[in-house]
Amino acid sequence: MPEKKSCCCSEKHTDRSQEERRKLINRLKRIEGQIRGIIGMLENDAYCNDILMQSAAVNAAVNSFNKELLANHIRTCVARDIRQGKDETIDELVATLQKLMK
């Protein structure tokens, strides 16, 4: 198994199956490709509306990624912590939801 890299955000870690990790990474790579496409559109002086439509598609893709990751987080990390009596996880989840809903 690859060595876990430290994250700038938290000391906590989530163990994911290889399948889950692969799905999430593939989604992000598709989003990355969409972003590169938008950069290419700008470099080629594409029509503003066309760029805006592609940007909206990227937003939708990121939102979809967030929904999938959030659902898994609730099913695994949050549920586990609540079972272990770590109620502070609820406050963390509420703060995360507030940030996502801005």
Protein backbone atom coordinates (compact mmCIF):
# COMPACT_ATOMS: atom_id res chain seq x y z
CA MET A 1 0.00 0.00 0.00
CA PRO A 2 1.35 3.47 -0.85
CA GLU A 3 2.65 5.64 1.95
CA LYS A 4 0.07 8.15 3.16
CA LYS A 5 1.02 11.74 2.54
CA SER A 6 0.32 14.28 5.21
CA CYS A 7 -2.43 16.73 4.43
CA CYS A 8 -2.33 20.41 5.20
CA CYS A 9 -5.88 20.34 6.56
CA SER A 10 -6.07 17.80 9.36
CA GLU A 11 -4.26 15.11 11.22
CA LYS A 12 -7.23 12.79 10.65
CA HIS A 13 -7.21 10.19 7.88
CA THR A 14 -9.88 8.21 6.09
CA ASP A 15 -9.21 4.67 4.95
CA ARG A 16 -10.86 4.19 1.57
CA SER A 17 -11.12 1.09 -0.51
CA GLN A 18 -9.06 1.07 -3.68
CA GLU A 19 -12.32 1.11 -5.65
CA GLU A 20 -13.64 4.20 -3.85
CA ARG A 21 -10.29 5.97 -4.18
CA ARG A 22 -10.15 5.11 -7.89
CA LYS A 23 -13.69 6.45 -8.51
CA LEU A 24 -12.98 9.73 -6.72
CA ILE A 25 -9.65 10.22 -8.48
CA ASN A 26 -11.23 9.48 -11.87
CA ARG A 27 -13.91 12.11 -11.21
CA LEU A 28 -11.25 14.67 -10.32
CA LYS A 29 -9.22 13.81 -13.42
CA ARG A 30 -12.30 14.41 -15.58
CA ILE A 31 -12.78 17.77 -13.86
CA GLU A 32 -9.10 18.54 -14.42
CA GLY A 33 -9.60 17.78 -18.11
CA GLN A 34 -12.59 20.11 -18.23
CA ILE A 35 -10.51 22.88 -16.65
CA ARG A 36 -7.76 22.33 -19.22
CA GLY A 37 -10.42 22.57 -21.91
CA ILE A 38 -11.56 25.94 -20.56
CA ILE A 39 -7.97 27.18 -20.54
CA GLY A 40 -7.68 26.11 -24.17
CA MET A 41 -10.89 27.94 -24.98
CA LEU A 42 -9.50 31.12 -23.44
CA GLU A 43 -6.22 30.73 -25.29
CA ASN A 44 -8.19 30.39 -28.54
CA ASP A 45 -10.43 33.39 -27.78
CA ALA A 46 -13.59 31.28 -27.62
CA TYR A 47 -16.93 33.03 -27.26
CA CYS A 48 -17.63 34.10 -23.65
CA ASN A 49 -20.95 32.27 -23.46
CA ASP A 50 -19.33 29.00 -24.55
CA ILE A 51 -16.71 29.36 -21.83
CA LEU A 52 -19.39 30.15 -19.25
CA MET A 53 -21.31 27.01 -20.20
CA GLN A 54 -18.16 24.92 -19.75
CA SER A 55 -17.48 26.62 -16.43
CA ALA A 56 -21.02 25.78 -15.29
CA ALA A 57 -20.37 22.15 -16.26
CA VAL A 58 -17.22 22.16 -14.09
CA ASN A 59 -19.23 23.57 -11.18
CA ALA A 60 -21.80 20.81 -11.57
CA ALA A 61 -19.05 18.18 -11.70
CA VAL A 62 -17.39 19.54 -8.54
CA ASN A 63 -20.77 19.63 -6.77
CA SER A 64 -21.38 16.03 -7.77
CA PHE A 65 -17.94 15.04 -6.45
CA ASN A 66 -18.67 16.84 -3.17
CA LYS A 67 -22.04 15.12 -2.77
CA GLU A 68 -20.49 11.68 -3.27
CA LEU A 69 -17.64 12.39 -0.87
CA LEU A 70 -19.97 13.93 1.72
CA ALA A 71 -22.38 10.97 1.61
CA ASN A 72 -19.51 8.55 2.13
CA HIS A 73 -18.10 10.72 4.93
CA ILE A 74 -21.43 10.63 6.77
CA ARG A 75 -21.85 6.87 6.28
CA THR A 76 -18.35 6.07 7.48
CA CYS A 77 -16.41 8.68 9.46
CA VAL A 78 -19.32 10.53 11.05
CA ALA A 79 -21.28 7.37 11.92
CA ARG A 80 -18.14 5.77 13.41
CA ASP A 81 -17.30 8.82 15.51
CA ILE A 82 -20.86 9.16 16.83
CA ARG A 83 -20.84 5.47 17.82
CA GLN A 84 -17.57 6.14 19.66
CA GLY A 85 -19.12 9.09 21.50
CA LYS A 86 -17.17 11.74 19.60
CA ASP A 87 -20.01 14.26 19.37
CA GLU A 88 -17.64 17.02 18.21
CA THR A 89 -17.81 15.36 14.81
CA ILE A 90 -21.39 16.65 14.52
CA ASP A 91 -20.16 20.23 14.94
CA GLU A 92 -17.46 19.57 12.35
CA LEU A 93 -20.09 18.22 9.93
CA VAL A 94 -22.37 21.22 10.49
CA ALA A 95 -19.47 23.61 9.81
CA THR A 96 -18.58 21.70 6.65
CA LEU A 97 -22.19 21.79 5.42
CA GLN A 98 -22.35 25.55 6.06
CA LYS A 99 -19.22 26.07 3.97
CA LEU A 100 -20.51 23.85 1.16
CA MET A 101 -23.83 25.71 1.05
CA LYS A 102 -22.38 29.22 0.67
